[in-house]
Amino acid sequence: MSYKIGIMGATGAVGREIIEVLSNRDFPVEELRLYASQRSAGKVMETPFGEITIENADMVDYSELDIAFFAISGSWSKANARKATDAGCYVIDNSSAYRYDDNVPLVVPEINAHAIGDSKLIANPNCTTAIAAIPLYALHKEYGLKKVIISTYQATSGAGAAGMNELINETRNYLEGKEVKNEAFVHPIVFNTIPHIDSFQENDYTREEMKVVWETHKIFEEPDIPISCTCVRIPTLRVHGESIVIETEKPISPASARKLLASVEGVELKDDIENNVYPMPLTATQKCDVEVGRIRQNIVFGDHGLEFFICGDQILKGAALNAVQIAEKLELN
């Protein structure tokens, strides 16, 4: 069978990446329709499926689609997702609109594809969560997670095309001695790090940091695992890095963790410090798997603790790839 696919927000970084992933994974596309804002409607986009004219996302007839990928704002998703599902269309939503809704499955296919059930609306997790979840879940199943502490190094791609463009343009301005400005970020990102992503919450964590906590609990179906996260924006284009410390219920060793992680779907082991091999944005860019390395015994928790570093492409595995993998798990009639 093949399916009629719609991508809402097709002109954005994630929307464009979904198109590429559908092609690269030979997803059975009968017809691909692209939607964006009214100002983009009527323009023609070149895709691996040929030239496609962009349509107005506010004028969709969802009965003409089998699957709709929402790579668009949360407020737009809230206003339109149920219209789509009521028309019989599956919706895979990349926004945060439904991630914390108990009636909507939040899915990383390598972990909890079973959660989809018969739901026609499925939420894609935050990119930071999706990247960390696969290695963490494998370790949790084998050793039991007692505590998790995460520090992130997040690329400008997390703020979409506007964030990436700001890094490129303002770096050029800096090097040419011109004024450096900021619009996508709260401070200039050029040669800087910003420990502030999304809005601050009552507990002084940011919403981005709490997303990792809330979403990991939901995906793992383990609401009692203590998780703490600090999220930092850094001046790279794409790929998020994450330094992770875990305390485990069972004893764990770096050797056993390497053996386990090397066998996990969606993980590439890059852990050869003698040859300076470890995860980096440079090597993880446009890679489907999450790189894992710098695996070592944590000196605080001893033989019940592990520390490691991961890198994952935020636009790819953190968003577009995960969404298409969800679509691959749907049981369409």
Protein backbone atom coordinates (compact mmCIF):
# COMPACT_ATOMS: atom_id res chain seq x y z
CA MET A 1 0.00 0.00 0.00
CA SER A 2 0.97 3.62 -0.45
CA TYR A 3 -0.31 6.68 1.35
CA LYS A 4 -1.36 10.26 0.79
CA ILE A 5 0.93 12.38 2.93
CA GLY A 6 0.66 16.01 3.99
CA ILE A 7 3.38 18.05 5.69
CA MET A 8 2.24 21.14 7.58
CA GLY A 9 5.08 23.62 7.93
CA ALA A 10 6.87 22.19 4.89
CA THR A 11 9.09 25.24 4.37
CA GLY A 12 10.67 25.05 7.84
CA ALA A 13 13.82 23.14 8.80
CA VAL A 14 11.95 20.12 10.21
CA GLY A 15 9.36 20.07 7.42
CA ARG A 16 12.08 20.02 4.78
CA GLU A 17 13.91 17.27 6.65
CA ILE A 18 10.75 15.13 6.81
CA ILE A 19 10.55 15.26 3.02
CA GLU A 20 14.14 14.02 2.74
CA VAL A 21 13.59 11.25 5.30
CA LEU A 22 10.45 10.01 3.52
CA SER A 23 12.52 9.72 0.34
CA ASN A 24 15.63 8.22 1.94
CA ARG A 25 13.62 5.54 3.77
CA ASP A 26 11.51 4.71 0.71
CA PHE A 27 8.31 5.43 2.61
CA PRO A 28 5.36 4.35 0.43
CA VAL A 29 4.14 7.78 -0.70
CA GLU A 30 1.27 7.78 -3.17
CA GLU A 31 0.93 11.56 -3.10
CA LEU A 32 2.87 14.23 -1.19
CA ARG A 33 1.22 17.56 -0.46
CA LEU A 34 3.04 20.45 1.17
CA TYR A 35 1.43 23.14 3.31
CA ALA A 36 2.71 26.34 4.87
CA SER A 37 1.51 29.84 5.72
CA GLN A 38 -0.58 31.87 3.31
CA ARG A 39 2.46 33.92 2.26
CA SER A 40 4.21 30.76 1.02
CA ALA A 41 1.14 29.29 -0.69
CA GLY A 42 1.53 29.11 -4.45
CA LYS A 43 5.31 28.84 -4.38
CA VAL A 44 6.91 25.75 -5.88
CA MET A 45 9.31 23.57 -3.87
CA GLU A 46 11.79 21.18 -5.45
CA THR A 47 11.69 17.82 -3.66
CA PRO A 48 12.89 14.24 -4.27
CA PHE A 49 9.27 13.60 -5.28
CA GLY A 50 9.39 16.31 -7.97
CA GLU A 51 8.25 19.93 -7.96
CA ILE A 52 5.32 20.48 -5.60
CA THR A 53 3.23 23.63 -5.22
CA ILE A 54 2.84 24.71 -1.61
CA GLU A 55 -0.73 25.02 -0.33
CA ASN A 56 -2.23 27.13 2.46
CA ALA A 57 -2.08 25.19 5.74
CA ASP A 58 -5.30 26.86 6.89
CA MET A 59 -7.25 25.41 3.97
CA VAL A 60 -6.49 21.68 4.26
CA ASP A 61 -9.10 19.03 3.49
CA TYR A 62 -7.84 16.29 5.81
CA SER A 63 -10.20 13.71 4.32
CA GLU A 64 -7.85 13.73 1.32
CA LEU A 65 -4.86 12.67 3.45
CA ASP A 66 -3.89 9.45 5.23
CA ILE A 67 -1.09 10.93 7.37
CA ALA A 68 -0.33 14.54 8.27
CA PHE A 69 3.02 15.54 9.73
CA PHE A 70 2.65 18.70 11.80
CA ALA A 71 5.97 20.59 11.81
CA ILE A 72 4.33 23.79 12.89
CA SER A 73 3.53 25.79 16.02
CA GLY A 74 1.84 24.30 19.07
CA SER A 75 -1.04 26.77 18.92
CA TRP A 76 -1.71 25.80 15.30
CA SER A 77 -1.60 22.11 16.24
CA LYS A 78 -4.09 22.69 19.05
CA ALA A 79 -6.48 24.37 16.62
CA ASN A 80 -6.19 21.81 13.83
CA ALA A 81 -5.16 18.34 15.06
CA ARG A 82 -8.63 17.20 16.04
CA LYS A 83 -10.05 18.44 12.74
CA ALA A 84 -7.62 16.11 11.02
CA THR A 85 -8.26 13.05 13.18
CA ASP A 86 -12.03 13.56 12.98
CA ALA A 87 -11.63 13.37 9.20
CA GLY A 88 -9.86 10.02 9.53
CA CYS A 89 -6.32 11.33 9.07
CA TYR A 90 -3.44 10.27 11.30
CA VAL A 91 -1.52 13.19 12.80
CA ILE A 92 2.10 13.02 13.94
CA ASP A 93 2.67 16.26 15.82
CA ASN A 94 6.17 17.67 16.27
CA SER A 95 5.05 20.51 18.53
CA SER A 96 4.68 20.41 22.31
CA ALA A 97 0.88 20.83 22.09
CA TYR A 98 -0.08 17.26 23.05
CA ARG A 99 3.06 15.76 24.59
CA TYR A 100 1.71 15.99 28.12
CA ASP A 101 -1.87 14.98 27.30
CA ASP A 102 -2.57 11.65 29.00
CA ASN A 103 -4.79 10.64 26.09
CA VAL A 104 -2.11 11.19 23.43
CA PRO A 105 0.82 8.76 23.10
CA LEU A 106 4.32 10.27 23.16
CA VAL A 107 6.48 7.94 21.13
CA VAL A 108 10.09 7.04 20.43
CA PRO A 109 9.55 3.99 18.19
CA GLU A 110 12.62 2.08 19.40
CA ILE A 111 11.20 2.26 22.94
CA ASN A 112 7.40 2.43 23.07
CA ALA A 113 5.82 1.91 19.66
CA HIS A 114 3.18 -0.14 21.51
CA ALA A 115 1.87 3.10 23.04
CA ILE A 116 0.42 4.16 19.67
CA GLY A 117 -2.42 1.67 20.03
CA ASP A 118 -5.41 2.88 18.01
CA SER A 119 -4.70 6.58 18.52
CA LYS A 120 -4.85 8.72 15.40
CA LEU A 121 -2.94 11.55 17.10
CA ILE A 122 0.65 10.80 18.14
CA ALA A 123 3.08 13.27 19.69
CA ASN A 124 6.75 13.48 18.76
CA PRO A 125 8.99 14.22 21.76
CA ASN A 126 11.24 17.21 22.24
CA CYS A 127 14.50 16.77 20.34
CA THR A 128 16.63 16.75 23.50
CA THR A 129 14.52 13.98 24.99
CA ALA A 130 14.45 11.89 21.81
CA ILE A 131 18.23 11.91 21.51
CA ALA A 132 18.87 10.87 25.12
CA ALA A 133 16.00 8.40 25.43
CA ILE A 134 17.37 5.51 23.36
CA PRO A 135 20.65 4.88 25.23
CA LEU A 136 19.04 5.74 28.56
CA TYR A 137 16.21 3.27 28.08
CA ALA A 138 18.59 0.46 27.17
CA LEU A 139 20.58 1.10 30.34
CA HIS A 140 17.39 1.38 32.39
CA LYS A 141 16.10 -1.99 31.22
CA GLU A 142 19.37 -3.71 32.08
CA TYR A 143 20.53 -1.91 35.22
CA GLY A 144 17.62 0.21 36.50
CA LEU A 145 17.95 3.99 36.62
CA LYS A 146 18.05 5.39 40.13
CA LYS A 147 19.09 8.97 39.26
CA VAL A 148 19.75 10.80 35.98
CA ILE A 149 21.62 14.12 35.64
CA ILE A 150 21.89 15.68 32.17
CA SER A 151 23.73 18.74 30.86
CA THR A 152 23.05 19.66 27.24
CA TYR A 153 25.02 21.46 24.55
CA GLN A 154 22.27 22.43 22.10
CA ALA A 155 22.77 23.62 18.55
CA THR A 156 21.12 26.66 17.04
CA SER A 157 18.99 24.32 14.91
CA GLY A 158 16.81 23.95 18.00
CA ALA A 159 15.50 27.42 17.17
CA GLY A 160 14.79 26.40 13.57
CA ALA A 161 16.14 27.93 10.39
CA ALA A 162 16.07 31.38 12.00
CA GLY A 163 18.49 30.26 14.72
CA MET A 164 20.88 28.68 12.26
CA ASN A 165 20.81 31.73 10.00
CA GLU A 166 21.45 34.02 12.95
CA LEU A 167 24.58 32.08 13.88
CA ILE A 168 25.92 32.24 10.31
CA ASN A 169 25.06 35.89 9.66
CA GLU A 170 26.13 37.25 13.02
CA THR A 171 29.41 35.29 12.98
CA ARG A 172 30.14 37.00 9.66
CA ASN A 173 29.28 40.36 11.20
CA TYR A 174 31.55 39.69 14.18
CA LEU A 175 34.51 38.73 12.00
CA GLU A 176 33.98 41.80 9.82
CA GLY A 177 33.91 44.07 12.87
CA LYS A 178 30.22 44.91 12.48
CA GLU A 179 27.58 45.08 15.21
CA VAL A 180 26.40 41.67 16.40
CA LYS A 181 22.64 41.45 16.95
CA ASN A 182 20.27 38.82 18.31
CA GLU A 183 16.66 38.03 17.51
CA ALA A 184 16.30 34.25 17.69
CA PHE A 185 18.10 34.08 21.06
CA VAL A 186 17.93 36.18 24.23
CA HIS A 187 21.64 37.06 23.91
CA PRO A 188 24.09 37.02 20.99
CA ILE A 189 25.03 33.41 20.24
CA VAL A 190 28.30 34.14 18.42
CA PHE A 191 31.28 32.89 20.49
CA ASN A 192 28.93 32.54 23.43
CA THR A 193 27.01 29.95 25.41
CA ILE A 194 23.55 30.70 26.79
CA PRO A 195 22.25 28.62 29.76
CA HIS A 196 18.67 29.58 28.95
CA ILE A 197 16.40 27.73 26.50
CA ASP A 198 12.64 28.38 26.65
CA SER A 199 10.94 30.11 29.58
CA PHE A 200 11.91 29.84 33.23
CA GLN A 201 9.50 27.90 35.45
CA GLU A 202 8.54 28.38 39.10
CA ASN A 203 11.28 25.95 40.19
CA ASP A 204 13.92 28.03 38.31
CA TYR A 205 14.44 25.31 35.72
CA THR A 206 13.56 26.27 32.15
CA ARG A 207 10.69 24.65 30.31
CA GLU A 208 13.21 22.98 27.97
CA GLU A 209 14.85 21.36 31.00
CA MET A 210 11.54 20.21 32.42
CA LYS A 211 10.47 18.81 29.05
CA VAL A 212 13.28 16.27 29.37
CA VAL A 213 11.98 15.25 32.80
CA TRP A 214 8.28 15.10 31.91
CA GLU A 215 8.76 13.38 28.57
CA THR A 216 11.26 10.78 29.72
CA HIS A 217 8.89 9.79 32.52
CA LYS A 218 6.02 9.41 30.04
CA ILE A 219 7.95 7.51 27.37
CA PHE A 220 9.54 5.12 29.88
CA GLU A 221 6.25 4.79 31.80
CA GLU A 222 8.38 5.40 34.89
CA PRO A 223 7.21 8.60 36.62
CA ASP A 224 9.35 8.13 39.72
CA ILE A 225 12.88 8.24 38.25
CA PRO A 226 14.61 11.39 39.60
CA ILE A 227 15.88 13.38 36.59
CA SER A 228 17.59 16.77 36.53
CA CYS A 229 18.66 18.70 33.45
CA THR A 230 20.51 21.90 32.53
CA CYS A 231 20.13 23.05 28.92
CA VAL A 232 22.69 25.30 27.25
CA ARG A 233 22.62 26.81 23.76
CA ILE A 234 25.99 26.73 21.99
CA PRO A 235 27.19 28.23 18.67
CA THR A 236 26.96 25.15 16.46
CA LEU A 237 24.58 24.65 13.54
CA ARG A 238 22.98 21.25 14.15
CA VAL A 239 23.39 18.27 16.50
CA HIS A 240 22.78 18.44 20.23
CA GLY A 241 25.36 17.07 22.65
CA GLU A 242 24.41 15.78 26.10
CA SER A 243 26.58 14.84 29.05
CA ILE A 244 24.75 12.24 31.13
CA VAL A 245 25.42 10.87 34.61
CA ILE A 246 23.38 7.96 35.93
CA GLU A 247 23.17 6.14 39.22
CA THR A 248 21.88 2.60 38.75
CA GLU A 249 20.05 0.06 40.89
CA LYS A 250 22.43 -2.74 39.83
CA PRO A 251 26.22 -2.57 39.56
CA ILE A 252 27.37 -1.35 36.16
CA SER A 253 30.76 -1.24 34.45
CA PRO A 254 31.92 0.71 31.39
CA ALA A 255 32.77 -2.55 29.60
CA SER A 256 29.30 -4.03 30.10
CA ALA A 257 27.67 -0.73 29.12
CA ARG A 258 29.71 -0.58 25.91
CA LYS A 259 28.71 -4.12 25.00
CA LEU A 260 25.05 -3.36 25.63
CA LEU A 261 24.95 -0.02 23.81
CA ALA A 262 26.81 -1.42 20.79
CA SER A 263 23.84 -3.75 20.24
CA VAL A 264 21.08 -1.14 20.60
CA GLU A 265 19.10 -0.07 17.54
CA GLY A 266 19.56 3.63 16.92
CA VAL A 267 22.92 3.87 18.71
CA GLU A 268 26.41 4.09 17.24
CA LEU A 269 29.19 3.41 19.72
CA LYS A 270 32.03 5.92 19.35
CA ASP A 271 34.21 5.23 22.35
CA ASP A 272 37.92 4.88 21.59
CA ILE A 273 39.74 7.53 23.60
CA GLU A 274 43.18 6.16 22.66
CA ASN A 275 42.44 7.24 19.10
CA ASN A 276 40.43 10.35 20.05
CA VAL A 277 37.16 8.82 18.92
CA TYR A 278 34.07 10.14 20.71
CA PRO A 279 30.75 11.75 19.84
CA MET A 280 30.94 15.18 18.19
CA PRO A 281 28.51 17.40 16.28
CA LEU A 282 30.87 17.23 13.31
CA THR A 283 30.54 13.45 13.01
CA ALA A 284 26.90 13.13 14.08
CA THR A 285 25.53 15.65 11.58
CA GLN A 286 22.92 14.11 9.23
CA LYS A 287 23.35 10.76 10.95
CA CYS A 288 20.28 8.70 11.86
CA ASP A 289 21.89 7.04 14.89
CA VAL A 290 22.80 8.71 18.17
CA GLU A 291 26.53 8.62 18.85
CA VAL A 292 27.50 7.44 22.35
CA GLY A 293 30.98 7.57 23.87
CA ARG A 294 33.26 8.82 26.69
CA ILE A 295 31.79 5.95 28.70
CA ARG A 296 33.38 5.78 32.14
CA GLN A 297 32.71 4.82 35.72
CA ASN A 298 31.27 7.78 37.55
CA ILE A 299 33.55 8.60 40.49
CA VAL A 300 30.66 9.85 42.65
CA PHE A 301 28.41 6.78 42.42
CA GLY A 302 31.20 4.23 41.97
CA ASP A 303 30.22 0.81 40.66
CA HIS A 304 26.57 1.90 40.60
CA GLY A 305 27.30 4.91 38.40
CA LEU A 306 28.14 5.65 34.78
CA GLU A 307 28.99 8.80 32.85
CA PHE A 308 28.88 9.22 29.09
CA PHE A 309 28.47 11.73 26.28
CA ILE A 310 26.03 11.58 23.35
CA CYS A 311 25.47 13.54 20.16
CA GLY A 312 22.36 13.37 17.99
CA ASP A 313 21.20 15.32 14.99
CA GLN A 314 18.44 17.53 16.37
CA ILE A 315 16.65 18.03 13.06
CA LEU A 316 16.98 14.38 12.03
CA LYS A 317 16.66 11.93 14.93
CA GLY A 318 15.46 14.67 17.23
CA ALA A 319 12.50 15.47 15.00
CA ALA A 320 12.02 14.38 11.37
CA LEU A 321 13.36 10.82 11.52
CA ASN A 322 11.49 10.01 14.72
CA ALA A 323 8.26 11.30 13.13
CA VAL A 324 8.69 9.14 10.02
CA GLN A 325 9.59 6.13 12.16
CA ILE A 326 6.29 6.64 13.98
CA ALA A 327 4.50 6.67 10.62
CA GLU A 328 6.20 3.37 9.75
CA LYS A 329 4.62 1.83 12.86
CA LEU A 330 1.05 2.88 12.02
CA GLU A 331 -1.38 0.16 11.05
CA LEU A 332 -3.33 1.90 8.32
CA ASN A 333 -6.24 0.11 6.72
